[in-house]
Amino acid sequence: MIITVSGEIGAGKSTVGRTLARSLELRYLSTGEIYRDEAKRRGVSLVELGRLAAQDLTIDRMLDAKQVEAARGGDILVDSRLSGWLIDGDLRIWLRAPLEVRAARVAAREHTDRETAASDVRAREAGEHRRFLDTYHLDLSDLTRYHVIVDTAKWPANEIVAALVVLARALRAAPGGDPAPQPGGTVARGRSS
């Protein structure tokens, strides 16, 4: 099984992804962690690394290659803003939350204040939106690729993971991994790929 967890900055991709992978006994890859490590290695902020990535496509291509290669082995959960587009996962999840919630999470993670975090999140997302549109011709606001979309401000992470575990196990249990038939003979399907 291959699961992708994508979403907005600070929506909880790593928190949900790591716990979901553990619950389903899948390998786990977070490109966010790789990206943060790359920023530290270069001695720049995440916003600055985003600006560099706009000029140097090898930064994004390195992340792309790592996640695509890792997914080839199967039995993995990839947490990345673009994983739902780059990887044909069996279950593609998008996480979102209001900016104020995401900014508070980023502020706690980055040890900064909420106002600075909100400004950085807006700057990073605007830069990524332009970069991904120019580089990949992908509009991150187009969520039609995803099977499940969750507002992580509505429930605690453990409840979101519990619900996703149920969905993933049902998908795994269906013959051939196909969606399970529903009452009335219909088939529950996510949005088409």
Protein backbone atom coordinates (compact mmCIF):
# COMPACT_ATOMS: atom_id res chain seq x y z
CA MET A 1 0.00 0.00 0.00
CA ILE A 2 1.18 3.50 -0.85
CA ILE A 3 -0.33 6.46 1.00
CA THR A 4 0.41 10.10 0.33
CA VAL A 5 -0.26 12.86 2.83
CA SER A 6 -0.14 16.34 1.36
CA GLY A 7 -1.47 19.66 2.53
CA GLU A 8 -0.91 23.18 3.62
CA ILE A 9 2.08 24.32 5.66
CA GLY A 10 1.35 23.62 9.32
CA ALA A 11 -1.74 21.52 8.60
CA GLY A 12 -0.24 18.51 10.39
CA LYS A 13 1.19 16.42 7.57
CA SER A 14 4.10 15.12 9.63
CA THR A 15 2.08 14.57 12.81
CA VAL A 16 -0.69 12.69 11.03
CA GLY A 17 1.61 11.00 8.51
CA ARG A 18 4.11 9.64 11.03
CA THR A 19 1.38 8.26 13.31
CA LEU A 20 -0.63 6.82 10.43
CA ALA A 21 2.47 5.11 9.00
CA ARG A 22 3.25 3.59 12.38
CA SER A 23 -0.37 2.41 12.82
CA LEU A 24 -0.36 0.73 9.41
CA GLU A 25 3.24 -0.55 9.72
CA LEU A 26 4.38 1.41 6.66
CA ARG A 27 7.74 3.01 6.02
CA TYR A 28 7.61 6.79 6.42
CA LEU A 29 9.23 9.59 4.41
CA SER A 30 8.78 13.29 5.16
CA THR A 31 10.08 15.66 2.51
CA GLY A 32 9.35 18.50 4.96
CA GLU A 33 12.04 17.11 7.24
CA ILE A 34 14.43 16.78 4.30
CA TYR A 35 13.65 20.37 3.25
CA ARG A 36 14.21 21.70 6.80
CA ASP A 37 17.51 19.79 6.98
CA GLU A 38 18.55 21.31 3.63
CA ALA A 39 17.75 24.82 4.91
CA LYS A 40 19.88 24.18 8.02
CA ARG A 41 22.70 22.74 5.91
CA ARG A 42 22.70 25.90 3.78
CA GLY A 43 22.28 28.18 6.81
CA VAL A 44 19.10 29.80 5.47
CA SER A 45 15.47 30.09 6.57
CA LEU A 46 12.72 28.05 4.93
CA VAL A 47 11.48 31.20 3.18
CA GLU A 48 15.01 31.84 1.85
CA LEU A 49 15.34 28.23 0.72
CA GLY A 50 12.06 28.65 -1.16
CA ARG A 51 13.51 31.69 -2.93
CA LEU A 52 16.63 29.70 -3.80
CA ALA A 53 14.49 26.82 -5.07
CA ALA A 54 12.69 29.22 -7.41
CA GLN A 55 16.07 29.93 -9.02
CA ASP A 56 17.60 26.46 -8.69
CA LEU A 57 15.26 23.67 -9.81
CA THR A 58 17.66 21.00 -8.54
CA ILE A 59 16.42 21.62 -4.98
CA ASP A 60 12.84 20.58 -5.78
CA ARG A 61 13.97 17.87 -8.19
CA MET A 62 16.08 16.30 -5.40
CA LEU A 63 12.98 16.11 -3.18
CA ASP A 64 10.88 14.76 -6.04
CA ALA A 65 13.37 12.03 -6.86
CA LYS A 66 13.68 10.91 -3.23
CA GLN A 67 9.94 10.50 -2.73
CA VAL A 68 9.25 8.86 -6.10
CA GLU A 69 12.14 6.41 -5.62
CA ALA A 70 11.04 5.57 -2.07
CA ALA A 71 7.47 4.91 -3.23
CA ARG A 72 8.65 2.38 -5.83
CA GLY A 73 9.29 -0.08 -3.01
CA GLY A 74 5.65 0.08 -1.86
CA ASP A 75 4.44 -0.16 1.73
CA ILE A 76 5.20 3.48 2.44
CA LEU A 77 3.56 6.70 3.51
CA VAL A 78 5.04 9.79 1.87
CA ASP A 79 4.36 13.14 3.52
CA SER A 80 5.00 15.93 1.03
CA ARG A 81 3.19 18.91 -0.40
CA LEU A 82 3.40 17.34 -3.88
CA SER A 83 3.32 13.61 -3.09
CA GLY A 84 -0.35 13.33 -4.05
CA TRP A 85 0.56 14.60 -7.52
CA LEU A 86 3.92 12.89 -8.00
CA ILE A 87 2.96 9.46 -6.67
CA ASP A 88 -0.03 7.40 -7.73
CA GLY A 89 -0.87 6.43 -4.17
CA ASP A 90 -3.59 3.98 -3.23
CA LEU A 91 -4.87 6.57 -0.77
CA ARG A 92 -4.11 10.26 -1.36
CA ILE A 93 -4.89 12.57 1.57
CA TRP A 94 -4.92 16.39 1.71
CA LEU A 95 -4.78 18.15 5.09
CA ARG A 96 -5.82 21.76 5.60
CA ALA A 97 -6.58 24.17 8.44
CA PRO A 98 -7.23 27.90 8.85
CA LEU A 99 -4.12 30.11 8.66
CA GLU A 100 -4.30 31.13 12.34
CA VAL A 101 -4.23 27.47 13.42
CA ARG A 102 -1.37 26.63 11.07
CA ALA A 103 0.60 29.72 12.12
CA ALA A 104 0.30 28.71 15.79
CA ARG A 105 1.62 25.24 14.97
CA VAL A 106 4.51 26.61 12.90
CA ALA A 107 5.33 29.16 15.63
CA ALA A 108 5.60 26.35 18.19
CA ARG A 109 7.72 24.19 15.86
CA GLU A 110 10.02 27.02 14.75
CA HIS A 111 10.18 28.73 18.18
CA THR A 112 8.91 32.06 16.89
CA ASP A 113 5.84 34.25 17.42
CA ARG A 114 2.54 33.66 15.61
CA GLU A 115 2.69 36.89 13.61
CA THR A 116 6.11 36.01 12.19
CA ALA A 117 4.98 32.44 11.55
CA ALA A 118 1.84 33.60 9.73
CA SER A 119 3.90 35.97 7.57
CA ASP A 120 6.41 33.20 6.77
CA VAL A 121 3.63 30.71 5.97
CA ARG A 122 1.95 33.18 3.60
CA ALA A 123 5.30 33.95 1.91
CA ARG A 124 6.27 30.29 1.57
CA GLU A 125 2.86 29.27 0.23
CA ALA A 126 2.75 32.13 -2.29
CA GLY A 127 6.25 31.25 -3.49
CA GLU A 128 5.47 27.56 -3.71
CA HIS A 129 2.20 28.21 -5.52
CA ARG A 130 4.03 30.19 -8.22
CA ARG A 131 6.96 27.78 -8.36
CA PHE A 132 4.83 24.64 -8.62
CA LEU A 133 2.59 26.25 -11.23
CA ASP A 134 5.60 27.34 -13.31
CA THR A 135 7.66 24.18 -12.82
CA TYR A 136 5.04 21.42 -12.71
CA HIS A 137 1.96 23.17 -14.13
CA LEU A 138 0.18 22.20 -10.92
CA ASP A 139 -2.31 24.36 -9.08
CA LEU A 140 -2.14 23.30 -5.42
CA SER A 141 -5.64 24.65 -4.88
CA ASP A 142 -6.96 21.94 -7.24
CA LEU A 143 -7.83 19.14 -4.82
CA THR A 144 -9.48 16.79 -7.35
CA ARG A 145 -6.51 14.41 -7.13
CA TYR A 146 -7.19 13.57 -3.47
CA HIS A 147 -9.40 10.81 -2.10
CA VAL A 148 -9.74 12.35 1.37
CA ILE A 149 -9.60 16.02 2.45
CA VAL A 150 -9.49 16.75 6.19
CA ASP A 151 -9.62 20.05 8.09
CA THR A 152 -7.20 19.29 10.93
CA ALA A 153 -8.56 22.13 13.06
CA LYS A 154 -11.78 20.16 13.55
CA TRP A 155 -10.38 17.07 15.32
CA PRO A 156 -7.28 16.10 17.29
CA ALA A 157 -4.58 14.27 15.35
CA ASN A 158 -5.28 10.92 17.06
CA GLU A 159 -8.93 10.99 15.92
CA ILE A 160 -7.94 11.93 12.37
CA VAL A 161 -5.44 9.07 12.30
CA ALA A 162 -8.03 6.63 13.70
CA ALA A 163 -10.45 7.54 10.90
CA LEU A 164 -7.74 7.27 8.24
CA VAL A 165 -6.66 3.87 9.60
CA VAL A 166 -10.23 2.62 9.11
CA LEU A 167 -10.26 3.90 5.52
CA ALA A 168 -6.83 2.47 4.70
CA ARG A 169 -7.63 -0.95 6.19
CA ALA A 170 -10.93 -1.09 4.29
CA LEU A 171 -9.06 -0.28 1.09
CA ARG A 172 -6.45 -2.93 1.88
CA ALA A 173 -9.15 -5.54 2.59
CA ALA A 174 -11.04 -4.93 -0.66
CA PRO A 175 -10.26 -7.50 -3.39
CA GLY A 176 -7.41 -6.17 -5.51
CA GLY A 177 -7.33 -3.05 -3.39
CA ASP A 178 -10.42 -1.80 -5.19
CA PRO A 179 -12.95 0.24 -3.25
CA ALA A 180 -15.43 -1.90 -1.32
CA PRO A 181 -18.99 -2.18 -2.65
CA GLN A 182 -21.55 -0.12 -0.76
CA PRO A 183 -25.19 -0.94 0.01
CA GLY A 184 -27.27 -0.66 -3.14
CA GLY A 185 -24.50 -2.02 -5.36
CA THR A 186 -22.56 1.21 -5.74
CA VAL A 187 -18.86 1.49 -5.26
CA ALA A 188 -17.37 4.10 -2.91
CA ARG A 189 -14.74 5.92 -4.92
CA GLY A 190 -12.63 8.95 -4.33
CA ARG A 191 -12.34 11.60 -6.98
CA SER A 192 -10.92 10.26 -10.20
CA SER A 193 -7.19 10.50 -10.82
